[in-house]
Amino acid sequence: MGFNKEQLKSLVESTLKYISVGKYKFYSDDVVWFLLRIFAQESKFGYYLEQLGNGPAKGLGQVEPFTQKDNYINWLQYRPEIVEKIAELCGTAEPLPLQLYNPIRCIIEARIKLYRSPGAIPPKADILGQAKYWKKYYNSEQGQGKINEFIDNAKDFNLT
């Protein structure tokens, strides 16, 4: 059992719209669908809150504390207007691993990781393109996730 798809979609949309400030546009329909597909792949929509096998990843997007810290140290701290928005939503923008259990914070950390990745996120109609982008930039070439698993999980959660 995980999150309700429509409610999670609404939470992703409202979170991304809220943290979009100035030139930083985090929201698009393609991004929302991509994040939902990532959450289906990574945690089965929140069924798994911790990485299986005692790994460090946590929350909806199975974000690692290292990624959260890197997002803050190398990107967020130089954008105080975004830090302020995150603090309003989450109580703090500091890279605290326990915050990764907060669905809103996990949405934000996953989105910032993608925002910092090269190239454009493929459109929602291109599920194979999104699967390849996820593998390369989110899961990594060394990660255990498989492109076909990403597509299968998207289908299982009616995200195709």
C-alpha atoms as a PDB file:
ATOM      1  CA  MET A   1       0.000   0.000   0.000  1.00  0.00           C
ATOM      2  CA  GLY A   2       1.331   3.414  -0.933  1.00  0.00           C
ATOM      3  CA  PHE A   3      -0.009   6.829  -1.778  1.00  0.00           C
ATOM      4  CA  ASN A   4      -3.168   7.448  -3.785  1.00  0.00           C
ATOM      5  CA  LYS A   5      -2.080   8.372  -7.326  1.00  0.00           C
ATOM      6  CA  GLU A   6      -4.387  11.361  -7.791  1.00  0.00           C
ATOM      7  CA  GLN A   7      -3.576  12.807  -4.376  1.00  0.00           C
ATOM      8  CA  LEU A   8       0.145  12.324  -4.932  1.00  0.00           C
ATOM      9  CA  LYS A   9      -0.123  13.953  -8.372  1.00  0.00           C
ATOM     10  CA  SER A  10      -1.849  16.933  -6.776  1.00  0.00           C
ATOM     11  CA  LEU A  11       0.872  17.144  -4.092  1.00  0.00           C
ATOM     12  CA  VAL A  12       3.640  17.014  -6.719  1.00  0.00           C
ATOM     13  CA  GLU A  13       1.951  19.725  -8.805  1.00  0.00           C
ATOM     14  CA  SER A  14       1.316  22.074  -5.895  1.00  0.00           C
ATOM     15  CA  THR A  15       4.814  21.564  -4.447  1.00  0.00           C
ATOM     16  CA  LEU A  16       6.563  22.246  -7.752  1.00  0.00           C
ATOM     17  CA  LYS A  17       4.432  25.308  -8.426  1.00  0.00           C
ATOM     18  CA  TYR A  18       5.102  26.653  -4.928  1.00  0.00           C
ATOM     19  CA  ILE A  19       8.893  26.376  -5.134  1.00  0.00           C
ATOM     20  CA  SER A  20       9.021  27.830  -8.658  1.00  0.00           C
ATOM     21  CA  VAL A  21      10.330  31.315  -8.172  1.00  0.00           C
ATOM     22  CA  GLY A  22      11.890  33.834 -10.534  1.00  0.00           C
ATOM     23  CA  LYS A  23      13.747  32.109 -13.353  1.00  0.00           C
ATOM     24  CA  TYR A  24      13.467  28.720 -11.647  1.00  0.00           C
ATOM     25  CA  LYS A  25      10.519  26.918 -13.201  1.00  0.00           C
ATOM     26  CA  PHE A  26      10.264  23.495 -11.612  1.00  0.00           C
ATOM     27  CA  TYR A  27       6.743  22.653 -12.747  1.00  0.00           C
ATOM     28  CA  SER A  28       5.595  21.173 -16.043  1.00  0.00           C
ATOM     29  CA  ASP A  29       3.189  18.384 -16.870  1.00  0.00           C
ATOM     30  CA  ASP A  30       6.099  16.330 -18.246  1.00  0.00           C
ATOM     31  CA  VAL A  31       8.015  16.739 -14.976  1.00  0.00           C
ATOM     32  CA  VAL A  32       4.982  15.765 -12.874  1.00  0.00           C
ATOM     33  CA  TRP A  33       4.520  12.552 -14.845  1.00  0.00           C
ATOM     34  CA  PHE A  34       8.229  11.814 -14.716  1.00  0.00           C
ATOM     35  CA  LEU A  35       8.331  12.225 -10.941  1.00  0.00           C
ATOM     36  CA  LEU A  36       5.266  10.016 -10.518  1.00  0.00           C
ATOM     37  CA  ARG A  37       6.947   7.346 -12.638  1.00  0.00           C
ATOM     38  CA  ILE A  38      10.127   7.694 -10.584  1.00  0.00           C
ATOM     39  CA  PHE A  39       8.118   7.270  -7.372  1.00  0.00           C
ATOM     40  CA  ALA A  40       6.433   4.177  -8.828  1.00  0.00           C
ATOM     41  CA  GLN A  41       9.836   2.729  -9.687  1.00  0.00           C
ATOM     42  CA  GLU A  42      11.783   3.736  -6.608  1.00  0.00           C
ATOM     43  CA  SER A  43       9.339   3.149  -3.752  1.00  0.00           C
ATOM     44  CA  LYS A  44       6.152   1.704  -5.267  1.00  0.00           C
ATOM     45  CA  PHE A  45       4.460   5.046  -4.503  1.00  0.00           C
ATOM     46  CA  GLY A  46       5.694   5.137  -0.928  1.00  0.00           C
ATOM     47  CA  TYR A  47       5.253   1.483   0.001  1.00  0.00           C
ATOM     48  CA  TYR A  48       8.996   1.316   0.682  1.00  0.00           C
ATOM     49  CA  LEU A  49      10.255   4.231   2.736  1.00  0.00           C
ATOM     50  CA  GLU A  50      13.785   2.880   2.974  1.00  0.00           C
ATOM     51  CA  GLN A  51      16.027   1.267   0.405  1.00  0.00           C
ATOM     52  CA  LEU A  52      15.924  -2.510   0.516  1.00  0.00           C
ATOM     53  CA  GLY A  53      19.165  -4.150   1.616  1.00  0.00           C
ATOM     54  CA  ASN A  54      20.030  -1.476   4.180  1.00  0.00           C
ATOM     55  CA  GLY A  55      20.965   1.132   1.584  1.00  0.00           C
ATOM     56  CA  PRO A  56      20.942   4.824   2.421  1.00  0.00           C
ATOM     57  CA  ALA A  57      18.058   5.937   0.151  1.00  0.00           C
ATOM     58  CA  LYS A  58      14.822   7.111   1.732  1.00  0.00           C
ATOM     59  CA  GLY A  59      11.314   8.267   0.924  1.00  0.00           C
ATOM     60  CA  LEU A  60       9.151   8.371  -2.173  1.00  0.00           C
ATOM     61  CA  GLY A  61      12.028   8.944  -4.558  1.00  0.00           C
ATOM     62  CA  GLN A  62      14.570   6.907  -2.616  1.00  0.00           C
ATOM     63  CA  VAL A  63      16.803   9.976  -2.373  1.00  0.00           C
ATOM     64  CA  GLU A  64      20.128   9.400  -0.657  1.00  0.00           C
ATOM     65  CA  PRO A  65      21.308  11.733   2.108  1.00  0.00           C
ATOM     66  CA  PHE A  66      24.420  12.402  -0.014  1.00  0.00           C
ATOM     67  CA  THR A  67      22.206  13.693  -2.836  1.00  0.00           C
ATOM     68  CA  GLN A  68      20.244  15.881  -0.435  1.00  0.00           C
ATOM     69  CA  LYS A  69      23.484  17.320   0.969  1.00  0.00           C
ATOM     70  CA  ASP A  70      24.939  17.836  -2.504  1.00  0.00           C
ATOM     71  CA  ASN A  71      21.749  19.599  -3.628  1.00  0.00           C
ATOM     72  CA  TYR A  72      22.108  21.985  -0.695  1.00  0.00           C
ATOM     73  CA  ILE A  73      25.862  22.598  -0.654  1.00  0.00           C
ATOM     74  CA  ASN A  74      26.405  22.888  -4.388  1.00  0.00           C
ATOM     75  CA  TRP A  75      23.144  24.430  -5.553  1.00  0.00           C
ATOM     76  CA  LEU A  76      20.470  25.477  -3.062  1.00  0.00           C
ATOM     77  CA  GLN A  77      22.550  27.553  -0.693  1.00  0.00           C
ATOM     78  CA  TYR A  78      23.249  29.932  -3.574  1.00  0.00           C
ATOM     79  CA  ARG A  79      19.522  30.397  -4.217  1.00  0.00           C
ATOM     80  CA  PRO A  80      18.068  31.860  -1.020  1.00  0.00           C
ATOM     81  CA  GLU A  81      14.678  32.506  -2.611  1.00  0.00           C
ATOM     82  CA  ILE A  82      14.233  28.748  -3.126  1.00  0.00           C
ATOM     83  CA  VAL A  83      15.664  27.924   0.309  1.00  0.00           C
ATOM     84  CA  GLU A  84      13.013  30.208   1.806  1.00  0.00           C
ATOM     85  CA  LYS A  85      10.211  28.404  -0.063  1.00  0.00           C
ATOM     86  CA  ILE A  86      11.494  24.988   1.055  1.00  0.00           C
ATOM     87  CA  ALA A  87      11.763  26.160   4.661  1.00  0.00           C
ATOM     88  CA  GLU A  88       8.175  27.419   4.503  1.00  0.00           C
ATOM     89  CA  LEU A  89       6.960  24.014   3.315  1.00  0.00           C
ATOM     90  CA  CYS A  90       9.222  21.744   5.348  1.00  0.00           C
ATOM     91  CA  GLY A  91      10.308  23.733   8.399  1.00  0.00           C
ATOM     92  CA  THR A  92      13.919  23.754   7.217  1.00  0.00           C
ATOM     93  CA  ALA A  93      15.906  23.618   4.014  1.00  0.00           C
ATOM     94  CA  GLU A  94      18.951  22.196   5.776  1.00  0.00           C
ATOM     95  CA  PRO A  95      20.042  18.774   4.469  1.00  0.00           C
ATOM     96  CA  LEU A  96      18.658  16.628   7.277  1.00  0.00           C
ATOM     97  CA  PRO A  97      18.263  12.947   6.282  1.00  0.00           C
ATOM     98  CA  LEU A  98      15.082  12.554   8.359  1.00  0.00           C
ATOM     99  CA  GLN A  99      13.469  15.145   6.090  1.00  0.00           C
ATOM    100  CA  LEU A 100      13.636  12.583   3.265  1.00  0.00           C
ATOM    101  CA  TYR A 101      10.713  10.751   4.874  1.00  0.00           C
ATOM    102  CA  ASN A 102       8.643  13.899   4.305  1.00  0.00           C
ATOM    103  CA  PRO A 103       6.895  13.429   0.925  1.00  0.00           C
ATOM    104  CA  ILE A 104       7.110  17.136   0.108  1.00  0.00           C
ATOM    105  CA  ARG A 105      10.831  17.253   0.811  1.00  0.00           C
ATOM    106  CA  CYS A 106      11.416  14.116  -1.226  1.00  0.00           C
ATOM    107  CA  ILE A 107       9.526  15.657  -4.160  1.00  0.00           C
ATOM    108  CA  ILE A 108      11.710  18.751  -3.888  1.00  0.00           C
ATOM    109  CA  GLU A 109      15.008  16.850  -3.609  1.00  0.00           C
ATOM    110  CA  ALA A 110      14.143  14.595  -6.548  1.00  0.00           C
ATOM    111  CA  ARG A 111      13.151  17.607  -8.642  1.00  0.00           C
ATOM    112  CA  ILE A 112      16.312  19.534  -7.825  1.00  0.00           C
ATOM    113  CA  LYS A 113      18.418  16.494  -8.721  1.00  0.00           C
ATOM    114  CA  LEU A 114      16.668  16.376 -12.091  1.00  0.00           C
ATOM    115  CA  TYR A 115      16.881  20.152 -12.556  1.00  0.00           C
ATOM    116  CA  ARG A 116      20.643  19.943 -12.121  1.00  0.00           C
ATOM    117  CA  SER A 117      20.942  17.083 -14.622  1.00  0.00           C
ATOM    118  CA  PRO A 118      21.906  17.851 -18.214  1.00  0.00           C
ATOM    119  CA  GLY A 119      19.438  17.963 -21.060  1.00  0.00           C
ATOM    120  CA  ALA A 120      15.695  18.269 -21.052  1.00  0.00           C
ATOM    121  CA  ILE A 121      13.373  15.778 -19.416  1.00  0.00           C
ATOM    122  CA  PRO A 122      11.646  13.837 -22.195  1.00  0.00           C
ATOM    123  CA  PRO A 123       7.918  14.485 -22.662  1.00  0.00           C
ATOM    124  CA  LYS A 124       5.436  12.337 -20.764  1.00  0.00           C
ATOM    125  CA  ALA A 125       4.365  10.623 -24.011  1.00  0.00           C
ATOM    126  CA  ASP A 126       7.936   9.298 -24.400  1.00  0.00           C
ATOM    127  CA  ILE A 127       8.009   6.770 -21.589  1.00  0.00           C
ATOM    128  CA  LEU A 128      11.058   5.006 -23.032  1.00  0.00           C
ATOM    129  CA  GLY A 129      12.875   8.336 -23.191  1.00  0.00           C
ATOM    130  CA  GLN A 130      11.940   9.055 -19.584  1.00  0.00           C
ATOM    131  CA  ALA A 131      13.074   5.567 -18.567  1.00  0.00           C
ATOM    132  CA  LYS A 132      16.455   6.120 -20.220  1.00  0.00           C
ATOM    133  CA  TYR A 133      16.802   9.574 -18.661  1.00  0.00           C
ATOM    134  CA  TRP A 134      15.917   8.130 -15.241  1.00  0.00           C
ATOM    135  CA  LYS A 135      18.497   5.373 -15.630  1.00  0.00           C
ATOM    136  CA  LYS A 136      21.278   7.715 -16.701  1.00  0.00           C
ATOM    137  CA  TYR A 137      20.703  10.678 -14.409  1.00  0.00           C
ATOM    138  CA  TYR A 138      18.612   9.495 -11.466  1.00  0.00           C
ATOM    139  CA  ASN A 139      19.453   5.836 -10.910  1.00  0.00           C
ATOM    140  CA  SER A 140      22.915   6.086 -12.567  1.00  0.00           C
ATOM    141  CA  GLU A 141      24.688   3.771 -14.942  1.00  0.00           C
ATOM    142  CA  GLN A 142      25.965   1.785 -11.918  1.00  0.00           C
ATOM    143  CA  GLY A 143      22.546   1.574 -10.258  1.00  0.00           C
ATOM    144  CA  GLN A 144      20.641  -1.683 -10.083  1.00  0.00           C
ATOM    145  CA  GLY A 145      17.467  -0.318 -11.672  1.00  0.00           C
ATOM    146  CA  LYS A 146      16.558  -1.434 -15.183  1.00  0.00           C
ATOM    147  CA  ILE A 147      14.863   0.546 -17.936  1.00  0.00           C
ATOM    148  CA  ASN A 148      12.273  -2.184 -18.513  1.00  0.00           C
ATOM    149  CA  GLU A 149      11.428  -2.200 -14.766  1.00  0.00           C
ATOM    150  CA  PHE A 150      10.782   1.540 -14.905  1.00  0.00           C
ATOM    151  CA  ILE A 151       8.373   1.041 -17.814  1.00  0.00           C
ATOM    152  CA  ASP A 152       6.693  -1.958 -16.154  1.00  0.00           C
ATOM    153  CA  ASN A 153       6.184  -0.030 -12.905  1.00  0.00           C
ATOM    154  CA  ALA A 154       4.730   2.907 -14.834  1.00  0.00           C
ATOM    155  CA  LYS A 155       2.250   0.489 -16.413  1.00  0.00           C
ATOM    156  CA  ASP A 156       1.473  -1.172 -13.067  1.00  0.00           C
ATOM    157  CA  PHE A 157       0.569   2.216 -11.582  1.00  0.00           C
ATOM    158  CA  ASN A 158      -1.410   3.319 -14.662  1.00  0.00           C
ATOM    159  CA  LEU A 159       1.136   5.990 -15.574  1.00  0.00           C
ATOM    160  CA  THR A 160       1.310   5.272 -19.297  1.00  0.00           C
END
